[in-house]
Amino acid sequence: MHGAAYELYLNIEDIKHTKTKAYSPQTNGICERFHKTMKTECYDIFIST
């Protein structure tokens, strides 16, 4: 997707897109923790079914 189409998609899906500073351990750590949590939750759901 390019520019306007991407922005439109985010708006339609009500997705908040934020950018972080490059090489910012604190901000990237928050993102990485979120990904770890999502990965664990998905894994638990697949294992329990």
N, C-alpha and C. Protein backbone atom coordinates (compact mmCIF):
# COMPACT_ATOMS: atom_id res chain seq x y z
N MET A 1 0.84 -1.18 0.00
CA MET A 1 0.00 0.00 0.00
C MET A 1 0.88 1.24 0.00
N HIS A 2 0.36 2.28 -0.58
CA HIS A 2 1.12 3.53 -0.66
C HIS A 2 0.34 4.66 -0.01
N GLY A 3 1.04 5.50 0.69
CA GLY A 3 0.54 6.75 1.26
C GLY A 3 -0.93 6.85 1.60
N ALA A 4 -1.69 7.45 0.70
CA ALA A 4 -3.10 7.73 0.95
C ALA A 4 -3.91 6.46 1.14
N ALA A 5 -3.63 5.43 0.35
CA ALA A 5 -4.36 4.17 0.48
C ALA A 5 -4.11 3.54 1.86
N TYR A 6 -2.89 3.61 2.31
CA TYR A 6 -2.53 3.07 3.63
C TYR A 6 -3.23 3.85 4.74
N GLU A 7 -3.21 5.17 4.64
CA GLU A 7 -3.88 6.01 5.63
C GLU A 7 -5.38 5.72 5.65
N LEU A 8 -5.98 5.55 4.49
CA LEU A 8 -7.41 5.23 4.40
C LEU A 8 -7.70 3.89 5.07
N TYR A 9 -6.88 2.89 4.80
CA TYR A 9 -7.04 1.58 5.42
C TYR A 9 -6.99 1.68 6.95
N LEU A 10 -6.00 2.41 7.46
CA LEU A 10 -5.88 2.58 8.91
C LEU A 10 -7.11 3.24 9.49
N ASN A 11 -7.62 4.25 8.82
CA ASN A 11 -8.82 4.94 9.30
C ASN A 11 -10.04 4.04 9.27
N ILE A 12 -10.22 3.28 8.20
CA ILE A 12 -11.36 2.37 8.09
C ILE A 12 -11.33 1.32 9.18
N GLU A 13 -10.17 0.76 9.44
CA GLU A 13 -10.02 -0.29 10.44
C GLU A 13 -9.84 0.26 11.86
N ASP A 14 -9.86 1.57 12.01
CA ASP A 14 -9.67 2.24 13.30
C ASP A 14 -8.37 1.80 13.97
N ILE A 15 -7.30 1.83 13.19
CA ILE A 15 -5.97 1.44 13.67
C ILE A 15 -5.16 2.70 13.91
N LYS A 16 -4.56 2.78 15.10
CA LYS A 16 -3.70 3.91 15.42
C LYS A 16 -2.26 3.53 15.08
N HIS A 17 -1.67 4.24 14.15
CA HIS A 17 -0.31 3.95 13.70
C HIS A 17 0.62 5.00 14.27
N THR A 18 1.56 4.57 15.08
CA THR A 18 2.53 5.51 15.64
C THR A 18 3.93 5.06 15.27
N LYS A 19 4.78 6.03 15.09
CA LYS A 19 6.18 5.75 14.77
C LYS A 19 7.02 6.01 16.01
N THR A 20 8.12 5.30 16.13
CA THR A 20 9.03 5.51 17.25
C THR A 20 10.35 6.04 16.73
N LYS A 21 11.11 6.61 17.62
CA LYS A 21 12.44 7.07 17.25
C LYS A 21 13.32 5.85 16.99
N ALA A 22 14.18 5.97 16.02
CA ALA A 22 15.11 4.88 15.73
C ALA A 22 16.06 4.68 16.90
N TYR A 23 16.35 3.44 17.18
CA TYR A 23 17.29 3.08 18.24
C TYR A 23 16.88 3.63 19.61
N SER A 24 15.60 3.56 19.89
CA SER A 24 15.08 4.01 21.18
C SER A 24 14.69 2.78 22.00
N PRO A 25 15.57 2.29 22.85
CA PRO A 25 15.29 1.06 23.59
C PRO A 25 14.01 1.10 24.42
N GLN A 26 13.71 2.24 25.03
CA GLN A 26 12.53 2.31 25.88
C GLN A 26 11.26 2.14 25.05
N THR A 27 11.13 2.86 23.97
CA THR A 27 9.95 2.77 23.12
C THR A 27 9.88 1.42 22.43
N ASN A 28 10.97 0.96 21.90
CA ASN A 28 10.99 -0.33 21.23
C ASN A 28 10.72 -1.46 22.21
N GLY A 29 11.12 -1.29 23.46
CA GLY A 29 10.86 -2.30 24.49
C GLY A 29 9.37 -2.47 24.74
N ILE A 30 8.63 -1.36 24.72
CA ILE A 30 7.18 -1.42 24.90
C ILE A 30 6.57 -2.22 23.76
N CYS A 31 7.00 -1.94 22.55
CA CYS A 31 6.50 -2.64 21.37
C CYS A 31 6.85 -4.12 21.42
N GLU A 32 8.08 -4.43 21.76
CA GLU A 32 8.51 -5.82 21.83
C GLU A 32 7.75 -6.58 22.91
N ARG A 33 7.47 -5.95 24.03
CA ARG A 33 6.71 -6.59 25.10
C ARG A 33 5.29 -6.89 24.63
N PHE A 34 4.69 -5.97 23.89
CA PHE A 34 3.36 -6.19 23.35
C PHE A 34 3.37 -7.38 22.40
N HIS A 35 4.36 -7.46 21.54
CA HIS A 35 4.46 -8.59 20.61
C HIS A 35 4.62 -9.90 21.36
N LYS A 36 5.42 -9.91 22.41
CA LYS A 36 5.61 -11.13 23.20
C LYS A 36 4.29 -11.55 23.84
N THR A 37 3.55 -10.59 24.38
CA THR A 37 2.26 -10.90 25.00
C THR A 37 1.29 -11.48 23.98
N MET A 38 1.22 -10.86 22.80
CA MET A 38 0.32 -11.36 21.76
C MET A 38 0.71 -12.75 21.31
N LYS A 39 1.99 -12.99 21.16
CA LYS A 39 2.49 -14.29 20.74
C LYS A 39 2.12 -15.36 21.77
N THR A 40 2.29 -15.04 23.04
CA THR A 40 1.95 -15.98 24.11
C THR A 40 0.46 -16.27 24.13
N GLU A 41 -0.36 -15.23 24.01
CA GLU A 41 -1.81 -15.41 24.02
C GLU A 41 -2.27 -16.27 22.85
N CYS A 42 -1.75 -16.01 21.66
CA CYS A 42 -2.11 -16.81 20.48
C CYS A 42 -1.68 -18.25 20.66
N TYR A 43 -0.49 -18.45 21.17
CA TYR A 43 0.02 -19.80 21.40
C TYR A 43 -0.89 -20.54 22.37
N ASP A 44 -1.29 -19.89 23.45
CA ASP A 44 -2.17 -20.51 24.45
C ASP A 44 -3.52 -20.88 23.85
N ILE A 45 -4.05 -20.03 22.99
CA ILE A 45 -5.34 -20.32 22.35
C ILE A 45 -5.22 -21.53 21.44
N PHE A 46 -4.16 -21.60 20.64
CA PHE A 46 -3.99 -22.72 19.72
C PHE A 46 -3.75 -24.03 20.46
N ILE A 47 -3.03 -23.98 21.55
CA ILE A 47 -2.75 -25.19 22.33
C ILE A 47 -4.01 -25.71 23.02
N SER A 48 -4.87 -24.80 23.49
CA SER A 48 -6.05 -25.21 24.24
C SER A 48 -7.16 -25.74 23.35
N THR A 49 -7.08 -25.56 22.03
CA THR A 49 -8.15 -26.04 21.14
C THR A 49 -7.84 -27.39 20.57
